[in-house]
């Protein structure tokens, strides 16, 4: 089952605070992805990172047509918080 996101908040230093329907909450460090094609725009375009959005299915985080993150990757690789 694909984890669904119910809270998405950009925080300092290119990190996202994400909470899932099952109650798990993580901080996902997007800096680790910035070497991937397209992700550099998050650093190069002012305020783009802060414009993060969640798709209607609540299973994909995105910034534009080229930069997105699937919820299952965030669920698996995010650092769990209390």
PDB file of N, CA and C in Angstrom:
ATOM      1  N   UNK A   1       0.840  -1.190   0.000  1.00  0.00           N
ATOM      2  CA  UNK A   1       0.000   0.000   0.000  1.00  0.00           C
ATOM      3  C   UNK A   1       0.881   1.249   0.000  1.00  0.00           C
ATOM      4  N   UNK A   2       0.543   2.189  -0.825  1.00  0.00           N
ATOM      5  CA  UNK A   2       1.316   3.429  -0.931  1.00  0.00           C
ATOM      6  C   UNK A   2       0.945   4.354   0.230  1.00  0.00           C
ATOM      7  N   UNK A   3       1.936   4.834   0.983  1.00  0.00           N
ATOM      8  CA  UNK A   3       1.628   5.711   2.113  1.00  0.00           C
ATOM      9  C   UNK A   3       1.079   7.061   1.638  1.00  0.00           C
ATOM     10  N   UNK A   4       0.037   7.514   2.304  1.00  0.00           N
ATOM     11  CA  UNK A   4      -0.574   8.807   1.976  1.00  0.00           C
ATOM     12  C   UNK A   4      -0.143   9.855   2.995  1.00  0.00           C
ATOM     13  N   UNK A   5       0.124  11.039   2.494  1.00  0.00           N
ATOM     14  CA  UNK A   5       0.610  12.154   3.306  1.00  0.00           C
ATOM     15  C   UNK A   5      -0.576  12.998   3.767  1.00  0.00           C
ATOM     16  N   UNK A   6      -0.573  13.380   5.057  1.00  0.00           N
ATOM     17  CA  UNK A   6      -1.621  14.290   5.518  1.00  0.00           C
ATOM     18  C   UNK A   6      -1.077  15.617   6.037  1.00  0.00           C
ATOM     19  N   UNK A   7       0.255  15.750   6.088  1.00  0.00           N
ATOM     20  CA  UNK A   7       0.878  17.028   6.445  1.00  0.00           C
ATOM     21  C   UNK A   7       2.184  17.146   5.672  1.00  0.00           C
ATOM     22  N   UNK A   8       2.371  18.287   5.038  1.00  0.00           N
ATOM     23  CA  UNK A   8       3.596  18.575   4.296  1.00  0.00           C
ATOM     24  C   UNK A   8       3.987  20.006   4.589  1.00  0.00           C
ATOM     25  N   UNK A   9       5.206  20.181   5.115  1.00  0.00           N
ATOM     26  CA  UNK A   9       5.655  21.524   5.471  1.00  0.00           C
ATOM     27  C   UNK A   9       7.140  21.666   5.154  1.00  0.00           C
ATOM     28  N   UNK A  10       7.497  22.660   4.325  1.00  0.00           N
ATOM     29  CA  UNK A  10       8.920  22.923   4.103  1.00  0.00           C
ATOM     30  C   UNK A  10       9.514  23.569   5.352  1.00  0.00           C
ATOM     31  N   UNK A  11      10.695  23.101   5.741  1.00  0.00           N
ATOM     32  CA  UNK A  11      11.383  23.697   6.885  1.00  0.00           C
ATOM     33  C   UNK A  11      12.779  24.126   6.439  1.00  0.00           C
ATOM     34  N   UNK A  12      13.585  24.570   7.372  1.00  0.00           N
ATOM     35  CA  UNK A  12      14.894  25.135   7.047  1.00  0.00           C
ATOM     36  C   UNK A  12      15.822  24.132   6.370  1.00  0.00           C
ATOM     37  N   UNK A  13      16.773  24.679   5.661  1.00  0.00           N
ATOM     38  CA  UNK A  13      17.887  23.914   5.100  1.00  0.00           C
ATOM     39  C   UNK A  13      17.438  22.805   4.137  1.00  0.00           C
ATOM     40  N   UNK A  14      16.448  23.113   3.296  1.00  0.00           N
ATOM     41  CA  UNK A  14      15.958  22.180   2.261  1.00  0.00           C
ATOM     42  C   UNK A  14      15.474  20.852   2.844  1.00  0.00           C
ATOM     43  N   UNK A  15      14.720  20.953   3.919  1.00  0.00           N
ATOM     44  CA  UNK A  15      14.134  19.771   4.527  1.00  0.00           C
ATOM     45  C   UNK A  15      12.619  19.899   4.529  1.00  0.00           C
ATOM     46  N   UNK A  16      11.950  18.743   4.539  1.00  0.00           N
ATOM     47  CA  UNK A  16      10.493  18.694   4.581  1.00  0.00           C
ATOM     48  C   UNK A  16      10.049  17.950   5.831  1.00  0.00           C
ATOM     49  N   UNK A  17       9.055  18.493   6.502  1.00  0.00           N
ATOM     50  CA  UNK A  17       8.385  17.791   7.585  1.00  0.00           C
ATOM     51  C   UNK A  17       7.159  17.128   6.965  1.00  0.00           C
ATOM     52  N   UNK A  18       7.061  15.818   7.100  1.00  0.00           N
ATOM     53  CA  UNK A  18       5.989  15.055   6.446  1.00  0.00           C
ATOM     54  C   UNK A  18       5.360  14.108   7.468  1.00  0.00           C
ATOM     55  N   UNK A  19       4.009  14.134   7.530  1.00  0.00           N
ATOM     56  CA  UNK A  19       3.290  13.184   8.378  1.00  0.00           C
ATOM     57  C   UNK A  19       2.359  12.362   7.490  1.00  0.00           C
ATOM     58  N   UNK A  20       2.300  11.090   7.783  1.00  0.00           N
ATOM     59  CA  UNK A  20       1.505  10.152   6.992  1.00  0.00           C
ATOM     60  C   UNK A  20       0.238   9.753   7.739  1.00  0.00           C
ATOM     61  N   UNK A  21      -0.709   9.189   6.993  1.00  0.00           N
ATOM     62  CA  UNK A  21      -1.989   8.778   7.574  1.00  0.00           C
ATOM     63  C   UNK A  21      -1.834   7.790   8.729  1.00  0.00           C
ATOM     64  N   UNK A  22      -0.783   6.981   8.716  1.00  0.00           N
ATOM     65  CA  UNK A  22      -0.595   6.002   9.794  1.00  0.00           C
ATOM     66  C   UNK A  22       0.052   6.617  11.042  1.00  0.00           C
ATOM     67  N   UNK A  23       0.302   7.937  11.008  1.00  0.00           N
ATOM     68  CA  UNK A  23       0.867   8.640  12.155  1.00  0.00           C
ATOM     69  C   UNK A  23       2.373   8.812  12.116  1.00  0.00           C
ATOM     70  N   UNK A  24       3.048   8.100  11.230  1.00  0.00           N
ATOM     71  CA  UNK A  24       4.504   8.253  11.124  1.00  0.00           C
ATOM     72  C   UNK A  24       4.823   9.664  10.650  1.00  0.00           C
ATOM     73  N   UNK A  25       5.799  10.285  11.298  1.00  0.00           N
ATOM     74  CA  UNK A  25       6.238  11.622  10.925  1.00  0.00           C
ATOM     75  C   UNK A  25       7.736  11.581  10.675  1.00  0.00           C
ATOM     76  N   UNK A  26       8.166  12.175   9.561  1.00  0.00           N
ATOM     77  CA  UNK A  26       9.578  12.162   9.201  1.00  0.00           C
ATOM     78  C   UNK A  26      10.038  13.544   8.779  1.00  0.00           C
ATOM     79  N   UNK A  27      11.344  13.717   8.836  1.00  0.00           N
ATOM     80  CA  UNK A  27      11.989  14.857   8.187  1.00  0.00           C
ATOM     81  C   UNK A  27      12.765  14.274   7.019  1.00  0.00           C
ATOM     82  N   UNK A  28      12.480  14.782   5.840  1.00  0.00           N
ATOM     83  CA  UNK A  28      13.150  14.310   4.630  1.00  0.00           C
ATOM     84  C   UNK A  28      14.095  15.404   4.154  1.00  0.00           C
ATOM     85  N   UNK A  29      15.360  15.061   4.004  1.00  0.00           N
ATOM     86  CA  UNK A  29      16.399  16.013   3.595  1.00  0.00           C
ATOM     87  C   UNK A  29      16.515  15.998   2.074  1.00  0.00           C
ATOM     88  N   UNK A  30      16.018  17.033   1.445  1.00  0.00           N
ATOM     89  CA  UNK A  30      16.014  17.114  -0.020  1.00  0.00           C
ATOM     90  C   UNK A  30      17.407  17.425  -0.559  1.00  0.00           C
ATOM     91  N   UNK A  31      18.310  17.941   0.278  1.00  0.00           N
ATOM     92  CA  UNK A  31      19.677  18.240  -0.183  1.00  0.00           C
ATOM     93  C   UNK A  31      20.340  17.003  -0.779  1.00  0.00           C
ATOM     94  N   UNK A  32      19.997  15.840  -0.252  1.00  0.00           N
ATOM     95  CA  UNK A  32      20.593  14.605  -0.754  1.00  0.00           C
ATOM     96  C   UNK A  32      20.182  14.309  -2.201  1.00  0.00           C
ATOM     97  N   UNK A  33      19.068  14.877  -2.645  1.00  0.00           N
ATOM     98  CA  UNK A  33      18.582  14.661  -4.011  1.00  0.00           C
ATOM     99  C   UNK A  33      19.044  15.741  -4.984  1.00  0.00           C
ATOM    100  N   UNK A  34      19.668  16.781  -4.493  1.00  0.00           N
ATOM    101  CA  UNK A  34      19.977  17.930  -5.340  1.00  0.00           C
ATOM    102  C   UNK A  34      21.050  17.672  -6.388  1.00  0.00           C
ATOM    103  N   UNK A  35      21.683  16.524  -6.356  1.00  0.00           N
ATOM    104  CA  UNK A  35      22.622  16.172  -7.421  1.00  0.00           C
ATOM    105  C   UNK A  35      21.930  15.443  -8.569  1.00  0.00           C
ATOM    106  N   UNK A  36      20.662  15.114  -8.384  1.00  0.00           N
ATOM    107  CA  UNK A  36      19.896  14.450  -9.443  1.00  0.00           C
ATOM    108  C   UNK A  36      19.472  15.459 -10.494  1.00  0.00           C
ATOM    109  N   UNK A  37      19.282  15.014 -11.742  1.00  0.00           N
ATOM    110  CA  UNK A  37      18.859  15.936 -12.801  1.00  0.00           C
ATOM    111  C   UNK A  37      17.565  16.661 -12.417  1.00  0.00           C
ATOM    112  N   UNK A  38      17.568  17.956 -12.597  1.00  0.00           N
ATOM    113  CA  UNK A  38      16.385  18.765 -12.343  1.00  0.00           C
ATOM    114  C   UNK A  38      16.291  19.323 -10.936  1.00  0.00           C
ATOM    115  N   UNK A  39      16.794  18.624  -9.956  1.00  0.00           N
ATOM    116  CA  UNK A  39      16.638  19.050  -8.566  1.00  0.00           C
ATOM    117  C   UNK A  39      17.452  20.294  -8.221  1.00  0.00           C
ATOM    118  N   UNK A  40      18.485  20.568  -8.997  1.00  0.00           N
ATOM    119  CA  UNK A  40      19.318  21.747  -8.728  1.00  0.00           C
ATOM    120  C   UNK A  40      18.497  23.038  -8.775  1.00  0.00           C
ATOM    121  N   UNK A  41      17.402  23.016  -9.536  1.00  0.00           N
ATOM    122  CA  UNK A  41      16.542  24.198  -9.624  1.00  0.00           C
ATOM    123  C   UNK A  41      15.994  24.607  -8.260  1.00  0.00           C
ATOM    124  N   UNK A  42      15.843  23.654  -7.354  1.00  0.00           N
ATOM    125  CA  UNK A  42      15.359  23.987  -6.014  1.00  0.00           C
ATOM    126  C   UNK A  42      16.314  24.934  -5.299  1.00  0.00           C
ATOM    127  N   UNK A  43      17.573  24.836  -5.615  1.00  0.00           N
ATOM    128  CA  UNK A  43      18.572  25.715  -5.020  1.00  0.00           C
ATOM    129  C   UNK A  43      18.748  26.987  -5.855  1.00  0.00           C
ATOM    130  N   UNK A  44      18.647  26.857  -7.177  1.00  0.00           N
ATOM    131  CA  UNK A  44      18.949  27.976  -8.071  1.00  0.00           C
ATOM    132  C   UNK A  44      17.802  28.975  -8.242  1.00  0.00           C
ATOM    133  N   UNK A  45      16.560  28.521  -8.117  1.00  0.00           N
ATOM    134  CA  UNK A  45      15.408  29.412  -8.312  1.00  0.00           C
ATOM    135  C   UNK A  45      14.922  29.880  -6.939  1.00  0.00           C
ATOM    136  N   UNK A  46      15.012  31.179  -6.681  1.00  0.00           N
ATOM    137  CA  UNK A  46      14.618  31.696  -5.363  1.00  0.00           C
ATOM    138  C   UNK A  46      13.189  31.298  -4.993  1.00  0.00           C
ATOM    139  N   UNK A  47      13.020  30.843  -3.766  1.00  0.00           N
ATOM    140  CA  UNK A  47      11.720  30.499  -3.170  1.00  0.00           C
ATOM    141  C   UNK A  47      11.012  29.300  -3.792  1.00  0.00           C
ATOM    142  N   UNK A  48      11.610  28.616  -4.758  1.00  0.00           N
ATOM    143  CA  UNK A  48      10.950  27.448  -5.350  1.00  0.00           C
ATOM    144  C   UNK A  48      10.741  26.357  -4.301  1.00  0.00           C
ATOM    145  N   UNK A  49      11.718  26.130  -3.449  1.00  0.00           N
ATOM    146  CA  UNK A  49      11.588  25.078  -2.451  1.00  0.00           C
ATOM    147  C   UNK A  49      10.359  25.302  -1.564  1.00  0.00           C
ATOM    148  N   UNK A  50      10.106  26.541  -1.208  1.00  0.00           N
ATOM    149  CA  UNK A  50       8.977  26.875  -0.335  1.00  0.00           C
ATOM    150  C   UNK A  50       7.621  26.656  -1.023  1.00  0.00           C
ATOM    151  N   UNK A  51       7.604  26.491  -2.335  1.00  0.00           N
ATOM    152  CA  UNK A  51       6.363  26.313  -3.088  1.00  0.00           C
ATOM    153  C   UNK A  51       5.973  24.845  -3.239  1.00  0.00           C
ATOM    154  N   UNK A  52       6.502  23.979  -2.409  1.00  0.00           N
ATOM    155  CA  UNK A  52       6.229  22.551  -2.460  1.00  0.00           C
ATOM    156  C   UNK A  52       4.724  22.298  -2.343  1.00  0.00           C
ATOM    157  N   UNK A  53       4.238  21.291  -3.073  1.00  0.00           N
ATOM    158  CA  UNK A  53       2.816  20.958  -3.085  1.00  0.00           C
ATOM    159  C   UNK A  53       2.631  19.449  -2.987  1.00  0.00           C
ATOM    160  N   UNK A  54       1.415  19.048  -2.701  1.00  0.00           N
ATOM    161  CA  UNK A  54       1.028  17.651  -2.605  1.00  0.00           C
ATOM    162  C   UNK A  54      -0.031  17.382  -3.663  1.00  0.00           C
ATOM    163  N   UNK A  55       0.127  16.289  -4.422  1.00  0.00           N
ATOM    164  CA  UNK A  55      -0.863  15.996  -5.463  1.00  0.00           C
ATOM    165  C   UNK A  55      -2.178  15.527  -4.837  1.00  0.00           C
ATOM    166  N   UNK A  56      -3.214  15.429  -5.653  1.00  0.00           N
ATOM    167  CA  UNK A  56      -4.552  15.084  -5.166  1.00  0.00           C
ATOM    168  C   UNK A  56      -4.615  13.719  -4.494  1.00  0.00           C
ATOM    169  N   UNK A  57      -3.806  12.777  -4.945  1.00  0.00           N
ATOM    170  CA  UNK A  57      -3.820  11.440  -4.353  1.00  0.00           C
ATOM    171  C   UNK A  57      -3.087  11.391  -3.011  1.00  0.00           C
ATOM    172  N   UNK A  58      -2.354  12.454  -2.703  1.00  0.00           N
ATOM    173  CA  UNK A  58      -1.538  12.566  -1.481  1.00  0.00           C
ATOM    174  C   UNK A  58      -0.420  11.539  -1.447  1.00  0.00           C
ATOM    175  N   UNK A  59       0.055  11.128  -2.632  1.00  0.00           N
ATOM    176  CA  UNK A  59       1.143  10.149  -2.716  1.00  0.00           C
ATOM    177  C   UNK A  59       2.356  10.703  -3.454  1.00  0.00           C
ATOM    178  N   UNK A  60       2.333  11.992  -3.790  1.00  0.00           N
ATOM    179  CA  UNK A  60       3.455  12.588  -4.520  1.00  0.00           C
ATOM    180  C   UNK A  60       3.622  14.042  -4.094  1.00  0.00           C
ATOM    181  N   UNK A  61       4.847  14.380  -3.744  1.00  0.00           N
ATOM    182  CA  UNK A  61       5.240  15.745  -3.428  1.00  0.00           C
ATOM    183  C   UNK A  61       5.866  16.315  -4.697  1.00  0.00           C
ATOM    184  N   UNK A  62       5.533  17.565  -5.028  1.00  0.00           N
ATOM    185  CA  UNK A  62       6.125  18.135  -6.241  1.00  0.00           C
ATOM    186  C   UNK A  62       6.321  19.639  -6.114  1.00  0.00           C
ATOM    187  N   UNK A  63       7.208  20.142  -6.963  1.00  0.00           N
ATOM    188  CA  UNK A  63       7.475  21.568  -7.042  1.00  0.00           C
ATOM    189  C   UNK A  63       7.090  22.123  -8.408  1.00  0.00           C
ATOM    190  N   UNK A  64       7.337  21.353  -9.444  1.00  0.00           N
ATOM    191  CA  UNK A  64       6.969  21.755 -10.808  1.00  0.00           C
ATOM    192  C   UNK A  64       6.838  20.476 -11.633  1.00  0.00           C
ATOM    193  N   UNK A  65       6.739  20.615 -12.943  1.00  0.00           N
ATOM    194  CA  UNK A  65       6.547  19.447 -13.811  1.00  0.00           C
ATOM    195  C   UNK A  65       7.761  18.521 -13.860  1.00  0.00           C
ATOM    196  N   UNK A  66       8.901  18.996 -13.403  1.00  0.00           N
ATOM    197  CA  UNK A  66      10.129  18.210 -13.497  1.00  0.00           C
ATOM    198  C   UNK A  66      10.636  17.671 -12.157  1.00  0.00           C
ATOM    199  N   UNK A  67      10.187  18.233 -11.054  1.00  0.00           N
ATOM    200  CA  UNK A  67      10.727  17.857  -9.745  1.00  0.00           C
ATOM    201  C   UNK A  67       9.614  17.307  -8.861  1.00  0.00           C
ATOM    202  N   UNK A  68       9.743  16.027  -8.512  1.00  0.00           N
ATOM    203  CA  UNK A  68       8.774  15.427  -7.599  1.00  0.00           C
ATOM    204  C   UNK A  68       9.418  14.319  -6.775  1.00  0.00           C
ATOM    205  N   UNK A  69       8.721  13.925  -5.725  1.00  0.00           N
ATOM    206  CA  UNK A  69       9.167  12.856  -4.836  1.00  0.00           C
ATOM    207  C   UNK A  69       7.972  11.963  -4.529  1.00  0.00           C
ATOM    208  N   UNK A  70       8.083  10.662  -4.716  1.00  0.00           N
ATOM    209  CA  UNK A  70       6.991   9.767  -4.343  1.00  0.00           C
ATOM    210  C   UNK A  70       6.932   9.589  -2.826  1.00  0.00           C
ATOM    211  N   UNK A  71       5.732   9.449  -2.318  1.00  0.00           N
ATOM    212  CA  UNK A  71       5.565   9.345  -0.865  1.00  0.00           C
ATOM    213  C   UNK A  71       6.256   8.115  -0.282  1.00  0.00           C
ATOM    214  N   UNK A  72       6.325   7.025  -1.041  1.00  0.00           N
ATOM    215  CA  UNK A  72       6.963   5.830  -0.488  1.00  0.00           C
ATOM    216  C   UNK A  72       8.460   6.034  -0.264  1.00  0.00           C
ATOM    217  N   UNK A  73       9.122   6.825  -1.108  1.00  0.00           N
ATOM    218  CA  UNK A  73      10.545   7.125  -0.907  1.00  0.00           C
ATOM    219  C   UNK A  73      10.739   7.995   0.334  1.00  0.00           C
ATOM    220  N   UNK A  74       9.860   8.976   0.510  1.00  0.00           N
ATOM    221  CA  UNK A  74       9.937   9.846   1.681  1.00  0.00           C
ATOM    222  C   UNK A  74       9.678   9.020   2.943  1.00  0.00           C
ATOM    223  N   UNK A  75       8.709   8.132   2.888  1.00  0.00           N
ATOM    224  CA  UNK A  75       8.360   7.260   4.018  1.00  0.00           C
ATOM    225  C   UNK A  75       9.555   6.384   4.398  1.00  0.00           C
ATOM    226  N   UNK A  76      10.195   5.807   3.411  1.00  0.00           N
ATOM    227  CA  UNK A  76      11.299   4.887   3.678  1.00  0.00           C
ATOM    228  C   UNK A  76      12.591   5.569   4.077  1.00  0.00           C
ATOM    229  N   UNK A  77      12.918   6.690   3.432  1.00  0.00           N
ATOM    230  CA  UNK A  77      14.222   7.312   3.637  1.00  0.00           C
ATOM    231  C   UNK A  77      14.219   8.537   4.539  1.00  0.00           C
ATOM    232  N   UNK A  78      13.029   8.995   4.958  1.00  0.00           N
ATOM    233  CA  UNK A  78      12.963  10.111   5.883  1.00  0.00           C
ATOM    234  C   UNK A  78      13.420   9.681   7.270  1.00  0.00           C
ATOM    235  N   UNK A  79      13.857  10.629   8.062  1.00  0.00           N
ATOM    236  CA  UNK A  79      14.282  10.376   9.429  1.00  0.00           C
ATOM    237  C   UNK A  79      13.073  10.563  10.342  1.00  0.00           C
ATOM    238  N   UNK A  80      12.682   9.485  11.016  1.00  0.00           N
ATOM    239  CA  UNK A  80      11.483   9.535  11.863  1.00  0.00           C
ATOM    240  C   UNK A  80      11.682  10.489  13.030  1.00  0.00           C
ATOM    241  N   UNK A  81      10.625  11.251  13.320  1.00  0.00           N
ATOM    242  CA  UNK A  81      10.638  12.195  14.439  1.00  0.00           C
ATOM    243  C   UNK A  81       9.538  11.819  15.418  1.00  0.00           C
ATOM    244  N   UNK A  82       9.596  12.405  16.585  1.00  0.00           N
ATOM    245  CA  UNK A  82       8.586  12.115  17.620  1.00  0.00           C
ATOM    246  C   UNK A  82       7.325  12.897  17.386  1.00  0.00           C
TER     247      UNK A  82
END
